[in-house]
Protein backbone atom coordinates (compact mmCIF):
# COMPACT_ATOMS: atom_id res chain seq x y z
CA VAL A 1 -13.93 26.39 9.09
CA LEU A 2 -12.07 23.55 10.84
CA ARG A 3 -13.90 21.84 13.71
CA ASP A 4 -13.43 19.08 16.24
CA ALA A 5 -15.88 17.73 18.80
CA SER A 6 -15.37 20.82 20.99
CA GLY A 7 -16.25 23.29 18.26
CA VAL A 8 -14.37 25.62 15.91
CA VAL A 9 -10.61 25.08 15.81
CA SER A 10 -9.66 27.51 13.07
CA ARG A 11 -11.17 29.83 10.45
CA ALA A 12 -9.83 31.38 7.27
CA SER A 13 -11.16 33.23 4.24
CA ALA A 14 -9.91 34.52 0.90
CA ARG A 15 -11.23 36.08 -2.27
CA ALA A 16 -12.10 33.44 -4.85
CA ASP A 17 -12.20 35.65 -7.94
CA LEU A 18 -8.50 36.42 -8.26
CA ASP A 19 -7.13 33.08 -9.49
CA LEU A 20 -8.13 29.59 -10.57
CA SER A 21 -7.19 28.22 -7.14
CA VAL A 22 -7.46 29.45 -3.58
CA SER A 23 -5.13 28.53 -0.72
CA LEU A 24 -6.16 28.83 2.92
CA ASP A 25 -4.13 28.17 6.06
CA LEU A 26 -6.05 26.65 8.98
CA PRO A 27 -3.59 26.45 11.88
CA VAL A 28 -4.36 24.00 14.67
CA PRO A 29 -3.30 25.13 18.17
CA LYS A 30 -1.20 22.60 20.04
CA SER A 31 -3.95 22.21 22.64
CA ARG A 32 -6.37 21.07 19.91
CA ARG A 33 -3.90 18.97 17.93
CA ARG A 34 -4.83 15.30 17.58
CA LEU A 35 -2.88 13.10 15.19
CA TRP A 36 -4.39 10.54 12.84
CA GLY A 37 -3.12 6.95 13.05
CA PRO A 38 -4.18 3.30 13.24
CA ASP A 39 -4.83 3.51 16.98
CA ASP A 40 -6.68 6.82 16.78
CA PRO A 41 -7.94 7.68 13.27
CA PHE A 42 -9.10 11.13 14.30
CA LEU A 43 -10.55 13.37 11.59
CA TYR A 44 -11.38 17.06 11.79
CA ASP A 45 -14.53 18.37 10.12
CA VAL A 46 -13.98 20.92 7.36
CA ASN A 47 -16.78 23.19 6.12
CA ILE A 48 -16.29 25.47 3.12
CA GLU A 49 -18.72 28.16 2.00
CA LEU A 50 -18.71 30.25 -1.18
CA ARG A 51 -20.27 33.68 -0.70
CA ASN A 52 -21.11 36.36 -3.21
CA ARG A 53 -20.13 40.02 -2.87
CA ALA A 54 -23.20 40.64 -0.69
CA GLY A 55 -22.11 37.93 1.73
CA LYS A 56 -24.86 35.46 0.78
CA VAL A 57 -23.90 31.76 0.73
CA VAL A 58 -24.22 30.46 -2.84
CA ASP A 59 -22.57 27.07 -2.34
CA ARG A 60 -21.11 24.95 0.46
CA ILE A 61 -19.35 21.64 0.90
CA ALA A 62 -18.45 19.50 3.93
CA SER A 63 -15.30 17.44 4.11
CA TYR A 64 -12.68 16.29 6.62
CA ALA A 65 -8.94 16.33 7.26
CA GLY A 66 -6.45 14.25 9.21
CA LEU A 67 -3.10 15.33 10.65
CA ARG A 68 -0.25 12.84 10.39
CA SER A 69 3.32 12.60 9.18
CA VAL A 70 5.29 9.89 7.38
CA ALA A 71 9.07 10.08 7.72
CA ILE A 72 12.15 7.94 7.21
CA GLU A 73 14.79 7.43 9.89
CA GLY A 74 17.50 5.03 8.79
CA LYS A 75 15.73 1.81 7.88
CA LYS A 76 12.58 2.78 9.76
CA VAL A 77 9.41 4.30 8.37
CA LEU A 78 7.91 6.51 11.06
CA LEU A 79 4.25 7.41 11.42
CA ASN A 80 3.85 10.53 13.55
CA GLY A 81 7.45 10.12 14.68
CA LYS A 82 7.14 6.49 15.81
CA PRO A 83 7.88 3.18 14.03
CA VAL A 84 4.63 1.37 13.18
CA PHE A 85 5.25 -2.04 11.60
CA GLN A 86 3.18 -2.18 8.44
CA ARG A 87 1.22 -5.44 8.57
CA LEU A 88 -0.16 -5.20 5.06
CA VAL A 89 -2.24 -7.53 2.95
CA LEU A 90 -2.33 -7.68 -0.85
CA ASP A 91 -5.81 -6.55 -1.89
CA GLN A 92 -6.58 -6.79 -5.61
CA GLY A 93 -10.07 -5.34 -5.30
CA PHE A 94 -11.84 -8.07 -7.30
CA TYR A 95 -15.46 -9.09 -6.71
CA PRO A 96 -17.32 -12.14 -8.07
CA ASP A 97 -20.29 -10.01 -9.14
CA GLY A 98 -18.52 -6.85 -10.28
CA ILE A 99 -14.96 -7.86 -11.20
CA TRP A 100 -13.05 -4.57 -10.71
CA THR A 101 -16.11 -2.68 -9.49
CA ALA A 102 -17.44 -3.14 -5.97
CA PRO A 103 -21.17 -3.93 -6.00
CA THR A 104 -21.92 -1.62 -3.05
CA ASP A 105 -20.32 0.87 -0.72
CA ARG A 106 -20.78 -1.69 2.03
CA ALA A 107 -18.59 -4.14 0.07
CA LEU A 108 -15.70 -1.66 0.13
CA LEU A 109 -16.03 -1.15 3.87
CA ARG A 110 -16.37 -4.87 4.50
CA ASP A 111 -13.05 -5.69 2.84
CA ILE A 112 -11.25 -3.35 5.23
CA GLU A 113 -13.10 -4.88 8.17
CA LEU A 114 -12.19 -8.40 7.01
CA SER A 115 -8.54 -7.42 6.70
CA MET A 116 -8.44 -5.85 10.14
CA ALA A 117 -10.21 -8.88 11.64
CA ALA A 118 -7.27 -10.99 10.42
CA GLY A 119 -4.77 -8.65 12.10
CA PHE A 120 -3.65 -6.45 9.22
CA ASN A 121 -3.34 -2.68 9.68
CA GLY A 122 -3.25 -1.84 5.99
CA ALA A 123 -2.95 -3.00 2.41
CA ARG A 124 -1.19 -2.70 -0.89
CA LEU A 125 -4.09 -1.63 -3.12
CA HIS A 126 -2.64 -3.87 -5.74
CA GLN A 127 -2.44 -3.03 -9.43
CA LYS A 128 -5.64 -1.00 -9.38
CA VAL A 129 -6.74 2.55 -8.64
CA PHE A 130 -9.38 1.76 -6.02
CA GLU A 131 -12.69 3.56 -5.70
CA GLU A 132 -12.06 6.73 -3.70
CA ARG A 133 -14.86 5.70 -1.36
CA PHE A 134 -12.57 2.87 -0.20
CA LEU A 135 -10.06 5.50 0.96
CA TYR A 136 -12.81 7.35 2.81
CA HIS A 137 -13.45 4.22 4.86
CA ALA A 138 -9.69 3.68 5.29
CA ASP A 139 -9.39 7.24 6.61
CA ARG A 140 -12.19 6.62 9.11
CA LEU A 141 -10.79 3.30 10.33
CA GLY A 142 -7.07 4.14 10.44
CA TYR A 143 -6.19 1.69 7.69
CA LEU A 144 -2.75 2.22 6.05
CA CYS A 145 -2.71 2.06 2.25
CA TRP A 146 -0.09 2.05 -0.49
CA GLY A 147 -1.53 3.59 -3.65
CA GLU A 148 -0.73 1.67 -6.84
CA PHE A 149 -1.43 1.68 -10.55
CA GLY A 150 -2.53 -1.03 -12.98
CA ASP A 151 0.68 -1.37 -14.94
CA TRP A 152 1.76 -5.03 -14.54
CA GLY A 153 5.30 -5.59 -15.56
CA GLY A 154 6.47 -2.64 -17.60
CA ALA A 155 8.91 -4.75 -19.60
CA PRO A 156 10.13 -2.74 -22.61
CA SER A 157 8.48 -5.22 -24.98
CA SER A 158 5.05 -4.46 -23.49
CA ALA A 159 2.69 -1.73 -24.65
CA PRO A 160 2.58 0.03 -21.26
CA ALA A 161 6.36 0.43 -21.19
CA ARG A 162 6.44 1.82 -24.74
CA HIS A 163 3.80 4.32 -23.69
CA LEU A 164 5.76 5.24 -20.59
CA SER A 165 8.99 5.80 -22.49
CA MET A 166 7.15 8.07 -24.92
CA GLY A 167 5.55 10.10 -22.11
CA SER A 168 2.02 9.14 -23.14
CA THR A 169 -1.28 9.30 -21.31
CA TYR A 170 -0.22 6.30 -19.21
CA VAL A 171 1.92 8.56 -16.99
CA THR A 172 -0.78 11.21 -16.97
CA GLN A 173 -3.38 8.74 -15.74
CA TRP A 174 -1.13 7.70 -12.85
CA LEU A 175 -0.57 11.33 -11.87
CA GLU A 176 -4.32 11.91 -11.99
CA ALA A 177 -4.66 9.12 -9.42
CA VAL A 178 -1.97 10.69 -7.23
CA LEU A 179 -3.69 14.07 -7.45
CA ARG A 180 -7.08 12.56 -6.61
CA ASP A 181 -5.82 10.66 -3.56
CA TYR A 182 -3.15 13.06 -2.29
CA SER A 183 -5.19 14.40 0.64
CA HIS A 184 -6.20 11.05 2.13
CA PRO A 185 -4.30 10.45 5.40
CA SER A 186 -4.66 6.69 4.89
CA ILE A 187 -2.34 6.80 1.85
CA ILE A 188 1.14 6.43 3.35
CA GLY A 189 3.15 5.53 0.23
CA TRP A 190 3.12 5.29 -3.56
CA CYS A 191 3.97 2.34 -5.79
CA PRO A 192 3.69 3.43 -9.44
CA LEU A 193 5.16 0.20 -10.90
CA ASN A 194 5.09 -3.49 -10.01
CA GLU A 195 7.50 -6.29 -10.94
CA THR A 196 9.26 -4.46 -13.74
CA ALA A 197 12.01 -6.41 -15.41
CA ALA A 198 14.42 -6.35 -18.32
CA SER A 199 14.61 -9.42 -20.50
CA ILE A 200 17.88 -8.55 -22.24
CA GLU A 201 20.82 -6.22 -21.63
CA ASP A 202 19.64 -3.72 -24.23
CA ASP A 203 16.34 -3.27 -22.41
CA ILE A 204 17.96 -1.64 -19.38
CA THR A 205 18.09 1.86 -20.89
CA VAL A 206 14.38 1.81 -21.67
CA LEU A 207 13.63 0.33 -18.26
CA ASP A 208 15.66 3.08 -16.57
CA ASP A 209 13.75 5.76 -18.46
CA THR A 210 10.43 4.19 -17.54
CA MET A 211 11.12 3.78 -13.84
CA ARG A 212 12.94 7.06 -13.36
CA GLY A 213 10.24 8.99 -15.19
CA MET A 214 7.48 7.49 -13.07
CA PHE A 215 9.43 8.03 -9.85
CA LEU A 216 10.32 11.66 -10.56
CA ALA A 217 6.79 12.47 -11.72
CA THR A 218 5.38 11.03 -8.51
CA ARG A 219 7.91 12.90 -6.38
CA ALA A 220 7.08 16.16 -8.18
CA MET A 221 3.42 15.64 -7.25
CA ASP A 222 4.03 14.59 -3.64
CA SER A 223 7.09 15.22 -1.48
CA THR A 224 5.38 14.05 1.74
CA ARG A 225 5.22 10.28 1.24
CA PRO A 226 7.79 7.56 0.50
CA ILE A 227 7.87 6.13 -3.02
CA VAL A 228 9.15 2.73 -4.10
CA ASP A 229 10.40 2.92 -7.68
CA SER A 230 9.00 -0.53 -8.43
CA SER A 231 7.72 -3.26 -6.16
CA GLY A 232 9.80 -6.41 -6.46
CA TYR A 233 12.18 -7.45 -9.25
CA SER A 234 14.00 -4.35 -10.54
CA HIS A 235 15.14 -1.34 -8.56
CA ARG A 236 16.72 1.16 -10.91
CA VAL A 237 16.30 4.57 -9.21
CA PRO A 238 19.16 5.36 -6.77
CA GLU A 239 17.14 7.87 -4.74
CA SER A 240 14.13 5.60 -4.32
CA ASP A 241 12.83 6.04 -0.77
CA VAL A 242 12.12 2.35 -0.21
CA TYR A 243 13.64 -0.95 -1.34
CA ASP A 244 11.73 -4.23 -1.34
CA CYS A 245 11.45 -7.75 -2.66
CA HIS A 246 8.88 -10.46 -3.27
CA ASP A 247 9.76 -13.70 -1.51
CA TYR A 248 7.40 -16.65 -1.65
CA LYS A 249 9.54 -19.19 0.18
CA GLN A 250 7.12 -21.46 2.04
CA VAL A 251 9.52 -22.82 4.67
CA PRO A 252 10.15 -20.23 7.41
CA ALA A 253 13.83 -21.21 7.75
CA GLU A 254 14.34 -20.65 4.02
CA LEU A 255 12.59 -17.28 4.13
CA LYS A 256 14.81 -16.29 7.05
CA ALA A 257 17.95 -17.37 5.20
CA ASN A 258 16.91 -15.33 2.16
CA GLN A 259 16.35 -12.19 4.24
CA ALA A 260 19.31 -12.55 6.65
CA PRO A 261 21.84 -10.66 4.44
CA LEU A 262 19.74 -7.50 4.87
CA ALA A 263 21.53 -7.06 8.21
CA GLU A 264 24.73 -6.60 6.18
CA ASP A 265 23.03 -4.32 3.62
CA ARG A 266 22.89 -7.11 1.06
CA PRO A 267 19.14 -7.65 0.69
CA PHE A 268 17.53 -10.42 -1.26
CA VAL A 269 16.62 -9.30 -4.79
CA ASN A 270 14.36 -11.01 -7.28
CA GLY A 271 15.45 -12.16 -10.69
CA PRO A 272 18.41 -14.00 -12.19
CA LYS A 273 21.81 -13.08 -10.81
CA ASP A 274 23.31 -12.62 -14.29
CA LYS A 275 20.87 -9.83 -15.21
CA PRO A 276 21.52 -6.27 -13.96
CA TRP A 277 17.94 -5.80 -12.86
CA SER A 278 18.66 -3.86 -9.68
CA ILE A 279 21.19 -1.22 -8.72
CA PRO A 280 23.03 -1.64 -5.40
CA TYR A 281 21.05 -1.18 -2.21
CA ARG A 282 21.73 2.12 -0.43
CA GLY A 283 20.41 1.43 3.08
CA GLN A 284 16.78 2.45 2.49
CA PRO A 285 13.90 1.10 4.57
CA PHE A 286 13.17 -2.42 3.39
CA PHE A 287 10.13 -4.68 3.42
CA VAL A 288 9.01 -7.93 1.85
CA SER A 289 6.13 -6.51 -0.13
CA GLU A 290 4.80 -9.91 -1.20
CA PHE A 291 5.11 -13.18 0.71
CA GLY A 292 3.04 -16.14 1.79
CA GLY A 293 0.37 -16.81 -0.82
CA ILE A 294 -0.23 -20.19 0.78
CA TRP A 295 -2.36 -22.36 -1.50
CA TRP A 296 -5.45 -23.40 0.43
CA ASN A 297 -8.97 -24.27 -0.69
CA PRO A 298 -10.19 -27.72 0.40
CA LYS A 299 -13.38 -27.26 -1.65
CA ILE A 300 -11.58 -27.32 -5.01
CA ARG A 301 -12.79 -30.21 -7.15
CA LYS A 302 -10.43 -32.44 -9.10
CA GLY A 303 -9.55 -30.84 -12.42
CA GLU A 304 -10.78 -27.38 -11.39
CA ALA A 305 -8.40 -24.48 -12.01
CA SER A 306 -6.51 -23.67 -8.81
CA TRP A 307 -3.27 -21.90 -8.08
CA GLY A 308 -1.17 -20.76 -5.14
CA TYR A 309 2.38 -20.89 -3.76
CA GLY A 310 4.02 -24.01 -2.42
CA ASP A 311 2.51 -27.37 -1.61
CA ARG A 312 -1.03 -27.19 -0.29
CA PRO A 313 -1.16 -27.74 3.48
CA LYS A 314 -2.89 -30.96 4.46
CA SER A 315 -4.92 -29.34 7.25
CA VAL A 316 -5.95 -26.02 8.74
CA GLU A 317 -3.42 -26.53 11.52
CA GLU A 318 -0.63 -27.01 9.00
CA PHE A 319 -1.70 -23.76 7.30
CA ILE A 320 -1.74 -21.85 10.60
CA THR A 321 1.69 -23.18 11.53
CA ARG A 322 3.17 -22.12 8.20
CA PHE A 323 1.46 -18.70 8.31
CA GLU A 324 2.77 -18.06 11.82
CA GLY A 325 6.28 -19.15 10.96
CA LEU A 326 6.50 -16.92 7.90
CA CYS A 327 5.07 -13.89 9.72
CA ASN A 328 7.39 -14.40 12.68
CA VAL A 329 10.48 -14.31 10.46
CA LEU A 330 9.59 -10.81 9.27
CA LEU A 331 8.12 -9.50 12.52
CA ASP A 332 11.33 -10.45 14.33
CA ASP A 333 13.68 -8.82 11.80
CA PRO A 334 14.83 -5.42 13.22
CA ASN A 335 15.77 -4.30 9.70
CA MET A 336 12.25 -4.79 8.33
CA PHE A 337 9.65 -1.99 8.50
CA GLY A 338 6.75 -4.13 7.30
CA TYR A 339 5.44 -6.91 5.12
CA CYS A 340 2.59 -7.62 2.73
CA TYR A 341 0.88 -11.02 2.79
CA THR A 342 -0.59 -12.45 -0.41
CA GLN A 343 -3.59 -12.17 -0.28
CA LEU A 344 -6.90 -11.05 1.24
CA THR A 345 -9.31 -13.15 -0.86
CA ASP A 346 -9.23 -15.80 -3.53
CA VAL A 347 -9.45 -14.31 -7.03
CA PHE A 348 -10.76 -16.74 -9.64
CA GLN A 349 -8.06 -19.44 -10.02
CA GLU A 350 -5.84 -17.84 -7.38
CA GLN A 351 -6.72 -19.94 -4.34
CA ASN A 352 -4.34 -18.31 -1.88
CA GLY A 353 -6.62 -15.90 -0.05
CA LEU A 354 -7.45 -15.86 3.64
CA TYR A 355 -11.07 -15.54 2.58
CA PHE A 356 -12.93 -17.23 -0.25
CA PHE A 357 -13.82 -15.11 -3.29
CA ASP A 358 -17.29 -14.51 -1.82
CA ARG A 359 -15.63 -13.24 1.39
CA ARG A 360 -16.49 -16.24 3.58
CA PRO A 361 -13.61 -16.89 6.02
CA LYS A 362 -11.37 -19.92 5.53
CA PHE A 363 -10.02 -19.79 9.08
CA LYS A 364 -10.85 -18.52 12.54
CA MET A 365 -9.58 -15.00 12.16
CA PRO A 366 -8.81 -14.37 15.86
CA ARG A 367 -5.99 -16.90 15.52
CA LEU A 368 -4.46 -15.04 12.58
CA ARG A 369 -4.98 -11.73 14.34
CA ALA A 370 -3.16 -12.98 17.44
CA ILE A 371 -0.18 -14.08 15.34
CA GLN A 372 0.18 -10.65 13.75
CA SER A 373 -0.70 -8.44 16.70
CA ARG A 374 2.39 -8.92 18.83
CA PRO A 375 4.97 -6.12 18.69
CA ALA A 376 7.46 -6.34 15.85
CA ALA A 377 11.20 -5.95 16.46
CA VAL A 378 11.24 -2.45 14.98
CA GLU A 379 8.44 -1.43 17.37
CA ARG A 380 10.24 -2.78 20.44
CA GLU A 381 13.44 -0.78 19.98
């Protein structure tokens, strides 16, 4: 049974003893259709009952469902038929008291709330398969997520890449994550690999096998969402839905100069120019999937491990000015469908978060929210 606030929307039933799986169609009349999105994360209630031959209920579950579409139109990524600029933040899902495991359900929810308070409408769930409960909260709040896997690199000399090229359990584990998270409306894209690279010419064949295998496996599991073959560095799959780069230029004018050739279909690519890391760009939607990473923690003591991008700003105002300038470059680019700022919180020696590792804010978040909340060029067209 599918329900909304007004009552039953649709019903369906089927025998459950004929096969290992049961498929049911629950059509939603146009008059009761309400789409899920960041501005209105509407969810229908779903109730499923298992009855025996006598009609007695022997088991039941309650769940939910959201209706939304993700589509590509030229260089735009459309959500429910409209361009929504993806103001993403890099979220590594680390916690001081649990490392990769959130200490409480409230901690998962809080990270989404902290991100939204800073003006982001989603996140790259970076290099980690997040707790599914995180996606439940993302579904409820209309928070856009790119699902990722903990692969780091994938260079042919690394163990993960050898496993990938041999078709080992590494691929299977990624597909298990895709299967688990497939039905969450908050997942709007897949990123199976991150910063893959080839160190020498002979590595390219292995790299191609790795990236193409992961891309095709993901596409076979899900034809409804865009897939980036690998975030940053190498792009080796011609039919990849999305193209991207990582650009940590700290001067807005330099970031703009790097990204300007995108208007002529010559996007900035990472890596040395003499290495064939990426195949030619084919006009796909493009975003800078890592930028910023501004190094800022005035509480760091001399000699304490600390790391970030660029020179540390000398004041909060200098940080805000740089943050605004970098965001504006990408918000104002009509060929850009989104960006991903590095990062939500500090993580150990990485002192480039907008919040400290314990989630205390470094800045007045309404200021950051105001910078990001204005319409992007792609949303104004």
